Amino acid sequence: MFVYYVNNSIHQIPSFIYIARVLGGIVLTNGRDSIKVLQQEYSDITAEYHPNRAALQRRLSELRPEAIIQPDYTKEFLNVDFDTAHIQVFHGTSDKTYNYSSQVRKYDFLLLPGVRTYKTMLAAGLLTEGKYAIVGYPKADRVFKGEFNRDLAVKSLGLDPAWPTVLYAPTWQDAKFNTSLPRYGREVLSQVPEEYNLIVKLHPNTKRYDLKNYRMVKRISENNPQIKLLDFHHDVMPIMAASDLLITDISTVSHEFLCFDRPLVFLDPRLLSIRKDKVWVWRCGSVVKRKGEVWPTVKRALAAPEVYAEKRKAMREEIFYKPDGHAAERAAEAIRDFIKRRKKGQI
């Protein structure tokens, strides 16, 4: 018996749901939005809603799963009173320090997306032999299997597939000020060129914690039929499939967009310098550092998509282990193997 736990962070669902389809098990959530997504989009997976921690703990005690698989640092929140393996699958590959928190050490087993994460965690002393596996990125399996069609994806959003389609996906306004919304958001939305589509995919936390910027985006988007605002969408992959170019800042979406091998433009959100390891991926696209340069930069990148192609390829291979569409199967097998070794006392 395996259990997957997700709170109301709906964007974390694709990080584990494809593993669940291979491995089996039950998804538990205390998020009202999460249970809606799970029931509507993944009806083949058993999902249960429990409104609070006490209810979750009671259900977990009834199930007594061999492992609780989590896309975030929720072990202490769950605080179960029985022996089980806590497995961390992570919900992104970005270079934010959150991905390399000391909380990683609290987990019994880690599923890593690729060589870059492995090297970074090893250097930080976060890895223990036998307690991790490099499996790839299950969320991207559909891309590597060729399951997406660009024109169909554009049409599904009600946009014209004959026009260039640009995706603006800024991160949310966290304490690190990584988002480009305050500095560039108005420019991106108010200066969309004629015969261009702009998809705006906000981080789910923007609506929750940054109402000022959310309201600005919503107000401008509502007055421009060229803009498609997706402020509540749990899975960015189908949206990326529709996009010819990504505009972003410091976010996992920049890594994920590499799977499509299309141009990227990065907006520097700060006036002060940023640590190089946080913006490592910026080497595979143009970086805008001054206002008024967003759309001219986008047009140049679309006109010459091959400029950063080699760097995109190199970084994609470093971030995503074996981009062959079978990461979910490898993850399931790694979990099974770990549980077997754990039962035999080999861990």
Protein backbone atom coordinates (compact mmCIF):
# COMPACT_ATOMS: atom_id res chain seq x y z
CA MET A 1 0.00 0.00 0.00
CA PHE A 2 1.33 3.39 -1.06
CA VAL A 3 -0.10 6.80 -0.18
CA TYR A 4 0.58 10.13 -1.87
CA TYR A 5 -0.06 13.34 0.04
CA VAL A 6 -0.57 16.78 -1.49
CA ASN A 7 -1.92 19.89 0.20
CA ASN A 8 -3.76 22.60 -1.75
CA SER A 9 -0.77 23.34 -3.98
CA ILE A 10 -2.41 22.06 -7.16
CA HIS A 11 0.73 22.60 -9.27
CA GLN A 12 2.41 19.80 -7.30
CA ILE A 13 -0.02 17.13 -8.51
CA PRO A 14 1.76 16.34 -11.84
CA SER A 15 4.95 15.65 -9.88
CA PHE A 16 3.61 12.38 -8.48
CA ILE A 17 0.39 11.49 -10.30
CA TYR A 18 2.10 9.65 -13.16
CA ILE A 19 4.08 7.59 -10.66
CA ALA A 20 0.78 6.71 -8.98
CA ARG A 21 -0.57 5.43 -12.30
CA VAL A 22 2.30 2.94 -12.47
CA LEU A 23 2.79 2.11 -8.79
CA GLY A 24 -0.80 2.29 -7.59
CA GLY A 25 -1.97 3.63 -4.26
CA ILE A 26 -4.25 6.33 -2.83
CA VAL A 27 -3.88 10.11 -2.93
CA LEU A 28 -4.81 11.95 0.26
CA THR A 29 -5.34 15.69 0.35
CA ASN A 30 -6.70 18.35 2.65
CA GLY A 31 -6.95 20.84 -0.22
CA ARG A 32 -10.37 21.65 -1.68
CA ASP A 33 -8.82 22.74 -4.97
CA SER A 34 -6.59 19.69 -5.11
CA ILE A 35 -9.43 17.21 -4.67
CA LYS A 36 -11.37 18.92 -7.48
CA VAL A 37 -8.40 18.61 -9.83
CA LEU A 38 -7.77 15.01 -8.84
CA GLN A 39 -11.40 13.98 -9.34
CA GLN A 40 -11.86 15.87 -12.61
CA GLU A 41 -8.54 15.17 -14.31
CA TYR A 42 -7.37 11.88 -12.79
CA SER A 43 -10.50 9.88 -12.10
CA ASP A 44 -8.54 6.65 -12.60
CA ILE A 45 -6.61 7.36 -9.39
CA THR A 46 -8.28 6.90 -6.01
CA ALA A 47 -8.25 10.24 -4.19
CA GLU A 48 -9.68 11.16 -0.80
CA TYR A 49 -10.35 14.52 0.80
CA HIS A 50 -9.77 14.94 4.53
CA PRO A 51 -10.30 18.49 5.82
CA ASN A 52 -7.54 18.75 8.44
CA ARG A 53 -4.43 17.14 9.85
CA ALA A 54 -6.29 15.13 12.47
CA ALA A 55 -8.50 13.56 9.80
CA LEU A 56 -5.47 12.84 7.61
CA GLN A 57 -3.66 11.23 10.51
CA ARG A 58 -6.64 9.01 11.32
CA ARG A 59 -6.89 7.85 7.72
CA LEU A 60 -3.17 7.21 7.49
CA SER A 61 -3.30 5.17 10.70
CA GLU A 62 -6.08 3.07 9.17
CA LEU A 63 -4.17 2.51 5.93
CA ARG A 64 -0.70 2.14 7.49
CA PRO A 65 1.00 2.46 4.08
CA GLU A 66 4.49 1.16 3.42
CA ALA A 67 5.41 4.60 2.13
CA ILE A 68 4.03 8.14 1.97
CA ILE A 69 5.14 9.82 -1.24
CA GLN A 70 5.32 13.61 -1.07
CA PRO A 71 6.14 16.41 -3.55
CA ASP A 72 6.89 18.88 -0.74
CA TYR A 73 8.35 18.98 2.77
CA THR A 74 5.26 17.73 4.61
CA LYS A 75 6.62 14.93 6.80
CA GLU A 76 6.42 16.97 10.00
CA PHE A 77 2.93 18.20 9.17
CA LEU A 78 1.67 14.64 8.75
CA ASN A 79 3.51 13.49 11.90
CA VAL A 80 2.32 9.88 11.69
CA ASP A 81 2.53 7.57 14.71
CA PHE A 82 3.55 4.38 12.87
CA ASP A 83 6.58 3.19 10.97
CA THR A 84 6.53 4.11 7.29
CA ALA A 85 8.94 5.34 4.64
CA HIS A 86 8.73 9.02 3.72
CA ILE A 87 9.65 9.43 0.06
CA GLN A 88 10.35 12.82 -1.49
CA VAL A 89 9.63 13.27 -5.22
CA PHE A 90 10.01 17.09 -5.32
CA HIS A 91 7.80 19.37 -7.39
CA GLY A 92 10.31 21.14 -9.56
CA THR A 93 13.89 21.36 -10.74
CA SER A 94 14.65 25.05 -10.33
CA ASP A 95 17.83 26.41 -8.77
CA LYS A 96 16.01 28.06 -5.89
CA THR A 97 17.53 27.17 -2.54
CA TYR A 98 14.17 25.70 -1.45
CA ASN A 99 14.90 22.61 -3.52
CA TYR A 100 18.07 22.00 -1.51
CA SER A 101 16.75 22.66 1.98
CA SER A 102 18.15 20.77 4.94
CA GLN A 103 14.65 19.30 5.24
CA VAL A 104 15.72 16.85 2.53
CA ARG A 105 17.64 14.95 5.22
CA LYS A 106 14.40 14.07 7.01
CA TYR A 107 13.28 11.82 4.15
CA ASP A 108 14.05 8.14 3.84
CA PHE A 109 14.33 8.11 0.06
CA LEU A 110 14.72 10.74 -2.66
CA LEU A 111 13.79 10.57 -6.33
CA LEU A 112 16.08 12.88 -8.28
CA PRO A 113 15.29 14.25 -11.76
CA GLY A 114 18.81 14.37 -13.12
CA VAL A 115 22.54 14.85 -12.85
CA ARG A 116 22.41 18.53 -11.90
CA THR A 117 20.22 17.92 -8.86
CA TYR A 118 22.41 14.97 -7.89
CA LYS A 119 25.62 17.03 -8.08
CA THR A 120 24.13 19.95 -6.14
CA MET A 121 22.75 17.76 -3.38
CA LEU A 122 25.93 15.73 -3.16
CA ALA A 123 28.01 18.89 -2.76
CA ALA A 124 25.62 20.09 -0.05
CA GLY A 125 25.92 16.81 1.86
CA LEU A 126 22.25 15.96 1.39
CA LEU A 127 22.65 12.48 -0.10
CA THR A 128 23.16 9.12 1.61
CA GLU A 129 24.17 6.07 -0.42
CA GLY A 130 21.22 3.75 -1.00
CA LYS A 131 18.66 6.40 -0.11
CA TYR A 132 18.20 8.08 -3.47
CA ALA A 133 17.73 7.23 -7.13
CA ILE A 134 18.16 9.31 -10.28
CA VAL A 135 15.04 8.50 -12.30
CA GLY A 136 14.18 11.47 -14.52
CA TYR A 137 11.14 13.75 -14.48
CA PRO A 138 7.78 11.94 -14.70
CA LYS A 139 5.93 15.20 -15.33
CA ALA A 140 7.76 15.53 -18.66
CA ASP A 141 7.21 11.96 -19.89
CA ARG A 142 4.36 13.10 -22.14
CA VAL A 143 6.65 15.58 -23.88
CA PHE A 144 9.40 13.06 -24.55
CA LYS A 145 6.85 10.55 -25.84
CA GLY A 146 5.60 13.12 -28.36
CA GLU A 147 2.07 13.25 -26.99
CA PHE A 148 1.57 17.00 -27.56
CA ASN A 149 0.65 18.82 -30.78
CA ARG A 150 1.39 22.54 -30.90
CA ASP A 151 -1.52 23.63 -33.14
CA LEU A 152 -4.08 21.53 -31.29
CA ALA A 153 -2.82 22.90 -27.99
CA VAL A 154 -3.18 26.49 -29.25
CA LYS A 155 -6.71 25.84 -30.55
CA SER A 156 -7.73 24.26 -27.25
CA LEU A 157 -7.02 27.61 -25.61
CA GLY A 158 -9.20 29.46 -28.10
CA LEU A 159 -6.26 31.16 -29.80
CA ASP A 160 -5.18 31.46 -33.44
CA PRO A 161 -2.51 28.84 -34.27
CA ALA A 162 -1.31 30.95 -37.21
CA TRP A 163 0.00 33.61 -34.83
CA PRO A 164 3.17 33.30 -32.75
CA THR A 165 2.17 32.24 -29.24
CA VAL A 166 4.20 33.51 -26.29
CA LEU A 167 3.86 32.20 -22.75
CA TYR A 168 4.54 34.53 -19.82
CA ALA A 169 4.96 32.44 -16.67
CA PRO A 170 6.47 34.48 -13.83
CA THR A 171 7.08 33.00 -10.44
CA TRP A 172 5.24 34.33 -7.40
CA GLN A 173 6.25 37.18 -5.10
CA ASP A 174 8.05 35.24 -2.39
CA ALA A 175 10.45 36.61 0.21
CA LYS A 176 13.34 36.33 -2.27
CA PHE A 177 11.71 38.73 -4.80
CA ASN A 178 12.26 36.36 -7.70
CA THR A 179 9.19 37.44 -9.66
CA SER A 180 9.35 39.82 -12.63
CA LEU A 181 5.74 40.94 -12.22
CA PRO A 182 6.36 44.24 -10.37
CA ARG A 183 9.11 45.36 -12.74
CA TYR A 184 7.98 44.01 -16.12
CA GLY A 185 4.45 42.65 -15.79
CA ARG A 186 2.65 45.74 -17.03
CA GLU A 187 5.01 46.05 -20.00
CA VAL A 188 4.59 42.43 -21.03
CA LEU A 189 0.81 42.64 -20.95
CA SER A 190 0.19 46.12 -22.32
CA GLN A 191 2.58 45.99 -25.29
CA VAL A 192 1.62 42.71 -26.98
CA PRO A 193 2.37 43.11 -30.73
CA GLU A 194 -0.39 42.77 -33.30
CA GLU A 195 -1.08 39.21 -34.48
CA TYR A 196 0.58 37.67 -31.43
CA ASN A 197 -1.02 35.44 -28.83
CA LEU A 198 0.04 35.89 -25.20
CA ILE A 199 -0.71 33.20 -22.64
CA VAL A 200 -0.27 34.34 -19.05
CA LYS A 201 0.18 31.46 -16.62
CA LEU A 202 0.57 32.75 -13.07
CA HIS A 203 1.99 30.71 -10.25
CA PRO A 204 -0.94 29.47 -8.09
CA ASN A 205 0.51 31.40 -5.14
CA THR A 206 0.19 34.74 -6.97
CA LYS A 207 -3.57 34.83 -6.52
CA ARG A 208 -3.20 33.62 -2.94
CA TYR A 209 -0.41 35.89 -1.68
CA ASP A 210 0.06 38.73 -4.18
CA LEU A 211 -3.32 40.29 -4.90
CA LYS A 212 -1.87 43.60 -6.07
CA ASN A 213 -0.03 42.05 -9.01
CA TYR A 214 -2.80 39.54 -9.64
CA ARG A 215 -5.39 42.31 -10.00
CA MET A 216 -3.10 44.23 -12.36
CA VAL A 217 -2.68 41.17 -14.60
CA LYS A 218 -6.39 40.39 -14.57
CA ARG A 219 -7.41 43.99 -15.38
CA ILE A 220 -5.12 44.30 -18.41
CA SER A 221 -5.85 40.78 -19.68
CA GLU A 222 -9.61 41.26 -19.63
CA ASN A 223 -9.32 44.18 -22.03
CA ASN A 224 -7.18 42.42 -24.67
CA PRO A 225 -8.55 39.44 -26.67
CA GLN A 226 -4.97 38.52 -27.65
CA ILE A 227 -4.25 37.59 -24.02
CA LYS A 228 -5.32 34.31 -22.46
CA LEU A 229 -5.02 34.45 -18.68
CA LEU A 230 -4.76 31.06 -16.97
CA ASP A 231 -4.67 31.95 -13.31
CA PHE A 232 -5.84 28.60 -11.99
CA HIS A 233 -4.29 25.70 -13.85
CA HIS A 234 -2.50 22.81 -12.21
CA ASP A 235 -0.46 21.53 -15.18
CA VAL A 236 1.75 23.82 -17.22
CA MET A 237 2.91 21.18 -19.72
CA PRO A 238 -0.08 21.39 -22.12
CA ILE A 239 0.23 25.17 -22.00
CA MET A 240 3.92 24.99 -22.87
CA ALA A 241 3.03 22.71 -25.78
CA ALA A 242 1.04 25.60 -27.26
CA SER A 243 3.85 28.11 -26.79
CA ASP A 244 6.53 29.08 -29.30
CA LEU A 245 8.54 31.00 -26.68
CA LEU A 246 8.61 31.34 -22.91
CA ILE A 247 9.09 34.56 -20.96
CA THR A 248 9.93 33.90 -17.32
CA ASP A 249 12.28 34.88 -14.47
CA ILE A 250 13.55 32.47 -11.76
CA SER A 251 11.26 29.48 -11.92
CA THR A 252 11.05 25.75 -12.55
CA VAL A 253 9.06 26.50 -15.71
CA SER A 254 12.28 27.59 -17.42
CA HIS A 255 13.73 24.12 -16.85
CA GLU A 256 10.54 22.38 -17.93
CA PHE A 257 10.27 24.43 -21.12
CA LEU A 258 13.67 23.08 -22.19
CA CYS A 259 11.87 19.79 -22.86
CA PHE A 260 10.21 21.43 -25.89
CA ASP A 261 13.48 22.87 -27.32
CA ARG A 262 11.98 26.31 -28.02
CA PRO A 263 13.37 29.81 -27.31
CA LEU A 264 13.34 31.41 -23.87
CA VAL A 265 13.56 35.02 -22.72
CA PHE A 266 14.41 35.78 -19.10
CA LEU A 267 13.39 38.93 -17.24
CA ASP A 268 15.82 39.99 -14.53
CA PRO A 269 13.51 40.79 -11.61
CA ARG A 270 16.04 42.70 -9.49
CA LEU A 271 18.08 45.83 -9.69
CA LEU A 272 20.77 44.15 -7.57
CA SER A 273 22.84 41.19 -8.76
CA ILE A 274 21.61 37.61 -8.34
CA ARG A 275 23.73 34.63 -7.35
CA LYS A 276 24.91 32.85 -10.52
CA ASP A 277 23.77 29.43 -9.34
CA LYS A 278 20.18 30.67 -9.09
CA VAL A 279 20.16 31.83 -12.71
CA TRP A 280 22.30 29.07 -14.20
CA VAL A 281 19.61 28.33 -16.79
CA TRP A 282 19.67 31.91 -18.06
CA ARG A 283 22.56 30.87 -20.29
CA CYS A 284 20.11 29.27 -22.70
CA GLY A 285 18.17 32.39 -23.59
CA SER A 286 18.30 36.17 -23.87
CA VAL A 287 18.14 38.13 -20.61
CA VAL A 288 16.25 41.44 -20.37
CA LYS A 289 17.69 43.80 -17.77
CA ARG A 290 16.02 47.09 -18.74
CA LYS A 291 12.43 48.13 -19.23
CA GLY A 292 11.23 48.66 -22.77
CA GLU A 293 13.19 45.73 -24.21
CA VAL A 294 10.87 42.79 -23.59
CA TRP A 295 9.04 42.50 -26.89
CA PRO A 296 11.96 43.49 -29.16
CA THR A 297 13.95 40.71 -27.46
CA VAL A 298 11.08 38.25 -27.94
CA LYS A 299 10.84 39.06 -31.65
CA ARG A 300 14.57 38.53 -32.16
CA ALA A 301 14.46 35.20 -30.33
CA LEU A 302 11.52 33.95 -32.41
CA ALA A 303 13.27 35.00 -35.61
CA ALA A 304 16.37 32.97 -34.71
CA PRO A 305 15.31 30.03 -32.50
CA GLU A 306 18.52 28.16 -33.23
CA VAL A 307 20.79 30.70 -31.49
CA TYR A 308 20.72 28.98 -28.07
CA ALA A 309 19.83 25.49 -29.34
CA GLU A 310 23.11 23.84 -28.31
CA LYS A 311 22.99 25.29 -24.81
CA ARG A 312 19.36 24.27 -24.42
CA LYS A 313 20.25 20.72 -25.39
CA ALA A 314 23.21 20.53 -23.00
CA MET A 315 21.22 21.89 -20.08
CA ARG A 316 18.22 19.67 -20.84
CA GLU A 317 20.45 16.60 -20.67
CA GLU A 318 21.97 17.75 -17.39
CA ILE A 319 18.62 18.53 -15.74
CA PHE A 320 16.60 15.55 -17.00
CA TYR A 321 17.98 12.03 -16.74
CA LYS A 322 17.13 9.82 -19.73
CA PRO A 323 14.51 12.02 -21.45
CA ASP A 324 12.82 8.97 -22.99
CA GLY A 325 9.31 9.20 -21.54
CA HIS A 326 9.80 6.42 -18.96
CA ALA A 327 10.69 8.34 -15.80
CA ALA A 328 7.48 7.31 -14.03
CA GLU A 329 8.30 3.63 -14.56
CA ARG A 330 11.83 4.13 -13.23
CA ALA A 331 10.48 6.01 -10.22
CA ALA A 332 8.00 3.23 -9.43
CA GLU A 333 10.70 0.58 -9.73
CA ALA A 334 13.07 2.58 -7.51
CA ILE A 335 10.38 2.88 -4.83
CA ARG A 336 9.60 -0.84 -4.96
CA ASP A 337 13.29 -1.68 -4.68
CA PHE A 338 13.77 0.68 -1.73
CA ILE A 339 10.81 -0.80 0.14
CA LYS A 340 12.15 -4.32 -0.42
CA ARG A 341 15.57 -3.33 0.93
CA ARG A 342 13.96 -1.56 3.86
CA LYS A 343 11.95 -4.64 4.81
CA LYS A 344 15.11 -6.72 4.74
CA GLY A 345 16.89 -4.25 7.00
CA GLN A 346 19.36 -3.29 4.29
CA ILE A 347 18.78 0.45 4.69
